[in-house]
Amino acid sequence: MPDLTAEDIQKIKEITSKQIGENVRIAREKKNLTQSELAAMILSDRQYLYKIESGRVGVSVVKLAIIAKALDVDVRELI
């Protein structure tokens, strides 16, 4: 089994957060929603959604499922 360094784990977190954020943004734009509109739908604020979309924060599986439901997409499309 390969050893993971702290650096490896950090890179995975950054890449994953950025990719998920990009996928959320693309799905939101396909639905012609603003960040504020989607944020209201998921009972969150626009700043938090901005951080998700820009990859600045990770998103929990539950929150990702909520976003997917609001966008009417399968959660796998956002991963």
C-alpha atoms as a PDB file:
ATOM      1  CA  MET A   1       0.000   0.000   0.000  1.00  0.00           C
ATOM      2  CA  PRO A   2       1.468   3.401  -0.952  1.00  0.00           C
ATOM      3  CA  ASP A   3       2.353   5.835   1.790  1.00  0.00           C
ATOM      4  CA  LEU A   4       0.649   9.209   1.704  1.00  0.00           C
ATOM      5  CA  THR A   5       2.517  12.247   2.892  1.00  0.00           C
ATOM      6  CA  ALA A   6       0.898  15.319   4.365  1.00  0.00           C
ATOM      7  CA  GLU A   7       1.789  17.084   1.118  1.00  0.00           C
ATOM      8  CA  ASP A   8       0.013  14.381  -0.924  1.00  0.00           C
ATOM      9  CA  ILE A   9      -3.110  14.729   1.189  1.00  0.00           C
ATOM     10  CA  GLN A  10      -3.087  18.528   0.895  1.00  0.00           C
ATOM     11  CA  LYS A  11      -2.775  18.329  -2.902  1.00  0.00           C
ATOM     12  CA  ILE A  12      -5.700  15.886  -3.072  1.00  0.00           C
ATOM     13  CA  LYS A  13      -7.841  18.215  -0.945  1.00  0.00           C
ATOM     14  CA  GLU A  14      -7.026  21.219  -3.126  1.00  0.00           C
ATOM     15  CA  ILE A  15      -7.580  19.442  -6.440  1.00  0.00           C
ATOM     16  CA  THR A  16     -10.812  17.822  -5.258  1.00  0.00           C
ATOM     17  CA  SER A  17     -12.239  21.060  -3.840  1.00  0.00           C
ATOM     18  CA  LYS A  18     -11.434  22.964  -7.023  1.00  0.00           C
ATOM     19  CA  GLN A  19     -12.944  20.312  -9.292  1.00  0.00           C
ATOM     20  CA  ILE A  20     -16.131  19.999  -7.250  1.00  0.00           C
ATOM     21  CA  GLY A  21     -16.444  23.786  -7.109  1.00  0.00           C
ATOM     22  CA  GLU A  22     -16.061  24.056 -10.864  1.00  0.00           C
ATOM     23  CA  ASN A  23     -18.673  21.353 -11.390  1.00  0.00           C
ATOM     24  CA  VAL A  24     -21.121  23.125  -9.049  1.00  0.00           C
ATOM     25  CA  ARG A  25     -20.589  26.401 -10.923  1.00  0.00           C
ATOM     26  CA  ILE A  26     -21.137  24.758 -14.320  1.00  0.00           C
ATOM     27  CA  ALA A  27     -24.330  23.022 -13.145  1.00  0.00           C
ATOM     28  CA  ARG A  28     -25.607  26.262 -11.578  1.00  0.00           C
ATOM     29  CA  GLU A  29     -24.969  28.238 -14.736  1.00  0.00           C
ATOM     30  CA  LYS A  30     -26.726  25.581 -16.861  1.00  0.00           C
ATOM     31  CA  LYS A  31     -29.823  26.227 -14.717  1.00  0.00           C
ATOM     32  CA  ASN A  32     -29.393  29.995 -15.214  1.00  0.00           C
ATOM     33  CA  LEU A  33     -29.163  30.578 -11.470  1.00  0.00           C
ATOM     34  CA  THR A  34     -27.116  33.219  -9.709  1.00  0.00           C
ATOM     35  CA  GLN A  35     -25.033  32.331  -6.695  1.00  0.00           C
ATOM     36  CA  SER A  36     -27.530  34.202  -4.537  1.00  0.00           C
ATOM     37  CA  GLU A  37     -30.460  32.232  -5.949  1.00  0.00           C
ATOM     38  CA  LEU A  38     -28.784  28.861  -5.420  1.00  0.00           C
ATOM     39  CA  ALA A  39     -27.596  29.891  -1.969  1.00  0.00           C
ATOM     40  CA  ALA A  40     -31.187  30.729  -0.988  1.00  0.00           C
ATOM     41  CA  MET A  41     -32.376  27.365  -2.324  1.00  0.00           C
ATOM     42  CA  ILE A  42     -29.844  25.483  -0.173  1.00  0.00           C
ATOM     43  CA  LEU A  43     -30.420  27.695   2.891  1.00  0.00           C
ATOM     44  CA  SER A  44     -26.904  29.058   2.794  1.00  0.00           C
ATOM     45  CA  ASP A  45     -25.329  32.396   1.998  1.00  0.00           C
ATOM     46  CA  ARG A  46     -23.779  33.548  -1.246  1.00  0.00           C
ATOM     47  CA  GLN A  47     -20.320  33.945   0.257  1.00  0.00           C
ATOM     48  CA  TYR A  48     -20.224  30.276   1.292  1.00  0.00           C
ATOM     49  CA  LEU A  49     -21.363  29.181  -2.176  1.00  0.00           C
ATOM     50  CA  TYR A  50     -18.691  31.425  -3.703  1.00  0.00           C
ATOM     51  CA  LYS A  51     -16.059  29.702  -1.539  1.00  0.00           C
ATOM     52  CA  ILE A  52     -17.308  26.282  -2.653  1.00  0.00           C
ATOM     53  CA  GLU A  53     -17.287  27.239  -6.331  1.00  0.00           C
ATOM     54  CA  SER A  54     -13.817  28.754  -6.103  1.00  0.00           C
ATOM     55  CA  GLY A  55     -12.437  25.700  -4.298  1.00  0.00           C
ATOM     56  CA  ARG A  56     -11.544  27.679  -1.195  1.00  0.00           C
ATOM     57  CA  VAL A  57     -13.475  25.356   1.097  1.00  0.00           C
ATOM     58  CA  GLY A  58     -14.303  21.695   1.014  1.00  0.00           C
ATOM     59  CA  VAL A  59     -17.925  20.700   0.944  1.00  0.00           C
ATOM     60  CA  SER A  60     -19.478  17.942   3.021  1.00  0.00           C
ATOM     61  CA  VAL A  61     -21.208  15.010   1.389  1.00  0.00           C
ATOM     62  CA  VAL A  62     -24.522  16.146   2.869  1.00  0.00           C
ATOM     63  CA  LYS A  63     -24.168  19.710   1.560  1.00  0.00           C
ATOM     64  CA  LEU A  64     -23.122  18.350  -1.832  1.00  0.00           C
ATOM     65  CA  ALA A  65     -26.260  16.180  -1.901  1.00  0.00           C
ATOM     66  CA  ILE A  66     -28.371  19.240  -1.039  1.00  0.00           C
ATOM     67  CA  ILE A  67     -26.744  21.250  -3.838  1.00  0.00           C
ATOM     68  CA  ALA A  68     -27.280  18.392  -6.288  1.00  0.00           C
ATOM     69  CA  LYS A  69     -30.964  18.175  -5.346  1.00  0.00           C
ATOM     70  CA  ALA A  70     -31.415  21.932  -5.751  1.00  0.00           C
ATOM     71  CA  LEU A  71     -29.771  21.774  -9.186  1.00  0.00           C
ATOM     72  CA  ASP A  72     -31.703  18.632 -10.142  1.00  0.00           C
ATOM     73  CA  VAL A  73     -28.517  16.706 -10.969  1.00  0.00           C
ATOM     74  CA  ASP A  74     -27.031  13.488  -9.689  1.00  0.00           C
ATOM     75  CA  VAL A  75     -24.432  14.102  -6.995  1.00  0.00           C
ATOM     76  CA  ARG A  76     -21.953  12.122  -9.115  1.00  0.00           C
ATOM     77  CA  GLU A  77     -22.131  14.905 -11.707  1.00  0.00           C
ATOM     78  CA  LEU A  78     -20.694  17.298  -9.132  1.00  0.00           C
ATOM     79  CA  ILE A  79     -17.815  15.072  -8.037  1.00  0.00           C
END
